[in-house]
Amino acid sequence: MAGHSKFKNIMHRKGAQDKKRSGMFSKLSREITVAAKMGMPDPDMNPRLRAAVNAAKAQSMPKDNIQRAIDKAVKGDTENYEEIRYEGFGPGGVSLIIEALTDNRNRTATNVRTAVSKNGGNLGASGSVSHGFDRVGLINYPASVGDAEKVFEAALEAGAEDVSSSEDGHEIWTAQADLHEVAKALEPVLGEAEGAKLAWRPQTMVAVDEGDAGTLFKLIDALDDDDDVQTVWGNYEVSDEVMEKLG
């Protein structure tokens, strides 16, 4: 296994999860509905749905909301969502990959382009930055499940490729094809994960200074406020010193 990665996606940036709970529930519901529609409506028979339900539970989403999202897919009472990926650049030359689930491609494209251009960035063509990322699986656990050694040993036994542990929690990385197998193998040891999804992991990081970091976080917050945007991945690295200055 490689050394620890300092990479964090926006879903784990401090404070991001405290904002706009209803918006978060909306995104979680959308992922649950899409996952249930694409496969079986039973989480035990549908790995993507199981991961989506676990992620919703980790954010204390009520059981009724989770069931409603599944029922929408079963009844066919839902919009036809499509998965879209946007690629571009943020302040300081940071590469960004923006994943969306939308029922209106034109609306989402306009909103994403506006958020990026208003905050010091610009969108590129498909493939313009993804060549600098690896497509892998990412499983998240809170720090409370155990220390780094316990999680590392469990991950190694389960067939994971890398582990990164910090006071914020544990990130377990897998090969793309092994995500759900590894997640299932970890459950008896560590319990249900907070999240299990395909991720974009940067091959190299870009250090961002105080000025660019402030603008970059505004850009990411603007994207995160859009209901259609599910996840924002980036190759930015912000030092603790800069984070303290930004408050």
Protein backbone atom coordinates (compact mmCIF):
# COMPACT_ATOMS: atom_id res chain seq x y z
CA MET A 1 0.00 0.00 0.00
CA ALA A 2 1.16 3.53 -0.73
CA GLY A 3 1.61 6.24 1.86
CA HIS A 4 -1.11 8.42 3.25
CA SER A 5 -2.95 10.73 0.89
CA LYS A 6 -3.84 14.23 2.03
CA PHE A 7 -6.51 14.48 -0.65
CA LYS A 8 -9.94 15.52 0.55
CA ASN A 9 -12.98 16.01 -1.61
CA ILE A 10 -15.47 18.72 -0.78
CA MET A 11 -17.78 16.36 1.06
CA HIS A 12 -15.21 16.16 3.85
CA ARG A 13 -14.09 19.78 4.06
CA LYS A 14 -14.74 21.20 7.53
CA GLY A 15 -18.06 22.96 7.77
CA ALA A 16 -19.38 21.74 4.42
CA GLN A 17 -21.60 19.13 6.03
CA ASP A 18 -23.11 21.67 8.42
CA LYS A 19 -24.53 23.74 5.58
CA LYS A 20 -27.97 23.43 4.08
CA ARG A 21 -29.09 20.09 5.44
CA SER A 22 -32.16 20.04 3.23
CA GLY A 23 -29.96 20.47 0.16
CA MET A 24 -27.85 17.54 1.28
CA PHE A 25 -30.92 15.37 1.81
CA SER A 26 -32.11 16.30 -1.68
CA LYS A 27 -28.84 15.08 -3.21
CA LEU A 28 -28.83 11.90 -1.15
CA SER A 29 -32.45 11.19 -2.14
CA ARG A 30 -31.62 11.68 -5.80
CA GLU A 31 -28.72 9.21 -5.63
CA ILE A 32 -30.92 6.66 -3.81
CA THR A 33 -33.66 6.98 -6.43
CA VAL A 34 -31.24 6.67 -9.36
CA ALA A 35 -29.48 3.68 -7.76
CA ALA A 36 -32.81 1.93 -7.08
CA LYS A 37 -34.00 2.62 -10.62
CA MET A 38 -30.81 1.27 -12.22
CA GLY A 39 -30.87 -2.00 -10.27
CA MET A 40 -32.94 -3.88 -7.71
CA PRO A 41 -34.82 -1.73 -5.14
CA ASP A 42 -33.40 -3.96 -2.38
CA PRO A 43 -30.14 -2.58 -0.85
CA ASP A 44 -28.93 -6.13 -0.13
CA MET A 45 -29.15 -6.97 -3.84
CA ASN A 46 -27.93 -3.63 -5.20
CA PRO A 47 -24.44 -2.48 -4.10
CA ARG A 48 -24.87 1.09 -5.38
CA LEU A 49 -28.19 1.45 -3.56
CA ARG A 50 -26.71 -0.01 -0.38
CA ALA A 51 -23.87 2.53 -0.51
CA ALA A 52 -26.35 5.36 -1.09
CA VAL A 53 -28.56 4.27 1.81
CA ASN A 54 -25.54 3.95 4.13
CA ALA A 55 -24.37 7.43 3.14
CA ALA A 56 -27.85 8.80 3.92
CA LYS A 57 -27.92 7.06 7.30
CA ALA A 58 -24.48 8.52 8.11
CA GLN A 59 -25.98 11.99 7.62
CA SER A 60 -28.93 11.14 9.90
CA MET A 61 -31.42 11.20 7.06
CA PRO A 62 -34.81 9.93 8.36
CA LYS A 63 -35.80 6.38 7.38
CA ASP A 64 -39.05 7.69 5.88
CA ASN A 65 -37.09 9.93 3.49
CA ILE A 66 -34.90 7.00 2.44
CA GLN A 67 -37.90 4.75 1.81
CA ARG A 68 -39.71 7.50 -0.13
CA ALA A 69 -36.70 7.87 -2.42
CA ILE A 70 -36.69 4.11 -3.11
CA ASP A 71 -40.47 4.05 -3.63
CA LYS A 72 -40.21 6.81 -6.25
CA ALA A 73 -38.00 4.54 -8.35
CA VAL A 74 -40.26 1.49 -7.86
CA LYS A 75 -43.39 3.41 -8.89
CA GLY A 76 -41.65 5.06 -11.81
CA ASP A 77 -42.73 8.35 -10.25
CA THR A 78 -39.47 10.12 -10.95
CA GLU A 79 -37.67 12.25 -13.49
CA ASN A 80 -35.16 10.63 -15.82
CA TYR A 81 -31.87 11.64 -14.29
CA GLU A 82 -28.63 11.36 -16.21
CA GLU A 83 -25.10 11.39 -14.89
CA ILE A 84 -22.90 14.15 -16.32
CA ARG A 85 -19.26 15.00 -15.68
CA TYR A 86 -17.75 18.45 -16.14
CA GLU A 87 -14.02 19.16 -16.11
CA GLY A 88 -12.21 22.43 -15.65
CA PHE A 89 -9.82 24.60 -13.73
CA GLY A 90 -10.15 26.63 -10.56
CA PRO A 91 -8.02 29.40 -9.01
CA GLY A 92 -4.31 28.64 -8.74
CA GLY A 93 -4.40 26.16 -11.63
CA VAL A 94 -6.34 23.58 -9.63
CA SER A 95 -7.99 20.81 -11.66
CA LEU A 96 -11.65 20.10 -10.89
CA ILE A 97 -14.00 17.26 -11.81
CA ILE A 98 -17.67 18.03 -11.16
CA GLU A 99 -20.18 15.17 -11.09
CA ALA A 100 -23.88 15.88 -11.50
CA LEU A 101 -27.20 14.02 -11.58
CA THR A 102 -29.71 16.04 -13.57
CA ASP A 103 -33.08 15.92 -15.31
CA ASN A 104 -32.21 19.04 -17.34
CA ARG A 105 -28.79 19.00 -18.99
CA ASN A 106 -29.01 22.61 -20.24
CA ARG A 107 -29.93 24.03 -16.83
CA THR A 108 -27.11 22.20 -15.10
CA ALA A 109 -24.51 23.16 -17.72
CA THR A 110 -25.47 26.83 -17.42
CA ASN A 111 -25.41 26.80 -13.62
CA VAL A 112 -22.08 24.98 -13.40
CA ARG A 113 -20.45 27.24 -16.02
CA THR A 114 -21.70 30.35 -14.22
CA ALA A 115 -20.49 29.19 -10.79
CA VAL A 116 -17.05 28.34 -12.16
CA SER A 117 -16.54 31.49 -14.24
CA LYS A 118 -17.74 33.82 -11.45
CA ASN A 119 -15.19 32.36 -9.04
CA GLY A 120 -11.92 32.49 -10.94
CA GLY A 121 -12.21 29.28 -12.95
CA ASN A 122 -13.13 28.00 -16.38
CA LEU A 123 -14.58 24.80 -17.78
CA GLY A 124 -12.58 22.70 -20.23
CA ALA A 125 -13.45 20.00 -22.72
CA SER A 126 -14.23 16.46 -21.64
CA GLY A 127 -10.94 14.77 -20.76
CA SER A 128 -9.09 18.05 -20.19
CA VAL A 129 -8.22 17.22 -16.57
CA SER A 130 -9.41 13.65 -15.88
CA HIS A 131 -6.17 12.25 -17.36
CA GLY A 132 -4.49 13.60 -14.21
CA PHE A 133 -6.76 11.53 -11.93
CA ASP A 134 -7.19 7.82 -11.30
CA ARG A 135 -10.69 6.29 -11.25
CA VAL A 136 -10.83 4.31 -8.00
CA GLY A 137 -13.17 3.26 -5.22
CA LEU A 138 -13.36 5.27 -1.98
CA ILE A 139 -14.83 4.03 1.31
CA ASN A 140 -15.16 6.44 4.24
CA TYR A 141 -15.29 5.64 7.95
CA PRO A 142 -15.41 8.02 10.92
CA ALA A 143 -12.39 8.20 13.23
CA SER A 144 -14.52 6.58 15.96
CA VAL A 145 -14.34 3.09 14.36
CA GLY A 146 -10.77 2.63 15.53
CA ASP A 147 -7.17 3.75 15.21
CA ALA A 148 -5.15 3.84 11.99
CA GLU A 149 -3.56 0.44 12.61
CA LYS A 150 -6.90 -1.33 13.12
CA VAL A 151 -8.38 0.20 9.96
CA PHE A 152 -5.21 -0.47 7.94
CA GLU A 153 -5.21 -4.15 8.89
CA ALA A 154 -8.93 -4.51 8.14
CA ALA A 155 -8.49 -2.79 4.78
CA LEU A 156 -5.50 -4.93 3.85
CA GLU A 157 -7.41 -8.10 4.71
CA ALA A 158 -10.42 -6.90 2.69
CA GLY A 159 -8.32 -6.30 -0.44
CA ALA A 160 -8.03 -2.50 -0.40
CA GLU A 161 -5.14 -0.72 -2.14
CA ASP A 162 -4.46 2.23 0.16
CA VAL A 163 -5.58 3.80 3.43
CA SER A 164 -5.38 7.39 4.66
CA SER A 165 -6.20 8.08 8.31
CA SER A 166 -6.46 11.42 10.11
CA GLU A 167 -8.40 12.97 12.97
CA ASP A 168 -11.22 13.59 10.46
CA GLY A 169 -11.66 9.89 9.69
CA HIS A 170 -10.41 7.08 7.47
CA GLU A 171 -10.31 6.94 3.67
CA ILE A 172 -9.94 3.46 2.20
CA TRP A 173 -9.04 3.28 -1.49
CA THR A 174 -9.76 0.32 -3.75
CA ALA A 175 -9.46 -0.66 -7.39
CA GLN A 176 -12.50 0.55 -9.32
CA ALA A 177 -13.88 -2.97 -9.83
CA ASP A 178 -13.32 -4.00 -6.19
CA LEU A 179 -15.23 -1.18 -4.45
CA HIS A 180 -18.37 -3.04 -3.37
CA GLU A 181 -16.56 -6.31 -2.60
CA VAL A 182 -14.13 -4.52 -0.27
CA ALA A 183 -16.93 -2.48 1.33
CA LYS A 184 -18.86 -5.69 2.04
CA ALA A 185 -15.77 -7.38 3.52
CA LEU A 186 -15.14 -4.43 5.85
CA GLU A 187 -18.64 -4.39 7.37
CA PRO A 188 -18.19 -7.31 9.82
CA VAL A 189 -15.05 -5.64 11.21
CA LEU A 190 -15.76 -1.89 11.03
CA GLY A 191 -19.54 -1.72 10.61
CA GLU A 192 -21.42 0.15 7.89
CA ALA A 193 -19.34 2.74 6.06
CA GLU A 194 -20.28 6.43 5.95
CA GLY A 195 -19.85 6.30 2.21
CA ALA A 196 -18.72 4.00 -0.60
CA LYS A 197 -18.46 5.43 -4.09
CA LEU A 198 -16.33 5.66 -7.19
CA ALA A 199 -13.90 8.53 -6.85
CA TRP A 200 -11.41 10.59 -8.83
CA ARG A 201 -8.05 10.51 -7.06
CA PRO A 202 -5.42 13.06 -8.18
CA GLN A 203 -2.06 11.76 -9.34
CA THR A 204 -0.32 14.98 -8.23
CA MET A 205 -1.40 17.74 -5.85
CA VAL A 206 -1.35 21.52 -6.29
CA ALA A 207 -0.51 23.64 -3.24
CA VAL A 208 -2.91 26.58 -3.00
CA ASP A 209 -2.01 29.85 -1.26
CA GLU A 210 -4.30 31.92 0.94
CA GLY A 211 -5.64 34.17 -1.81
CA ASP A 212 -6.46 31.37 -4.23
CA ALA A 213 -7.78 29.10 -1.47
CA GLY A 214 -10.43 31.64 -0.42
CA THR A 215 -11.69 31.96 -4.00
CA LEU A 216 -11.49 28.22 -4.58
CA PHE A 217 -13.65 27.48 -1.54
CA LYS A 218 -16.22 30.04 -2.73
CA LEU A 219 -16.28 28.26 -6.08
CA ILE A 220 -16.74 24.85 -4.45
CA ASP A 221 -19.45 26.20 -2.13
CA ALA A 222 -21.30 27.69 -5.13
CA LEU A 223 -21.21 24.30 -6.86
CA ASP A 224 -22.20 22.49 -3.68
CA ASP A 225 -25.26 24.76 -3.36
CA ASP A 226 -26.55 23.46 -6.72
CA ASP A 227 -28.93 20.52 -6.19
CA ASP A 228 -27.77 18.93 -9.45
CA VAL A 229 -24.11 18.77 -8.39
CA GLN A 230 -23.38 15.59 -6.44
CA THR A 231 -19.62 15.73 -5.85
CA VAL A 232 -16.68 18.00 -6.61
CA TRP A 233 -13.22 16.44 -6.84
CA GLY A 234 -10.01 18.43 -7.00
CA ASN A 235 -6.23 18.13 -6.81
CA TYR A 236 -5.84 21.04 -4.38
CA GLU A 237 -3.86 20.88 -1.18
CA VAL A 238 -4.36 23.59 1.44
CA SER A 239 -1.95 23.76 4.38
CA ASP A 240 -3.20 23.91 7.97
CA GLU A 241 -1.64 27.37 8.24
CA VAL A 242 -3.67 28.68 5.32
CA MET A 243 -6.83 27.02 6.66
CA GLU A 244 -6.32 28.77 10.01
CA LYS A 245 -5.93 32.15 8.30
CA LEU A 246 -9.13 31.56 6.36
CA GLY A 247 -10.90 30.66 9.61
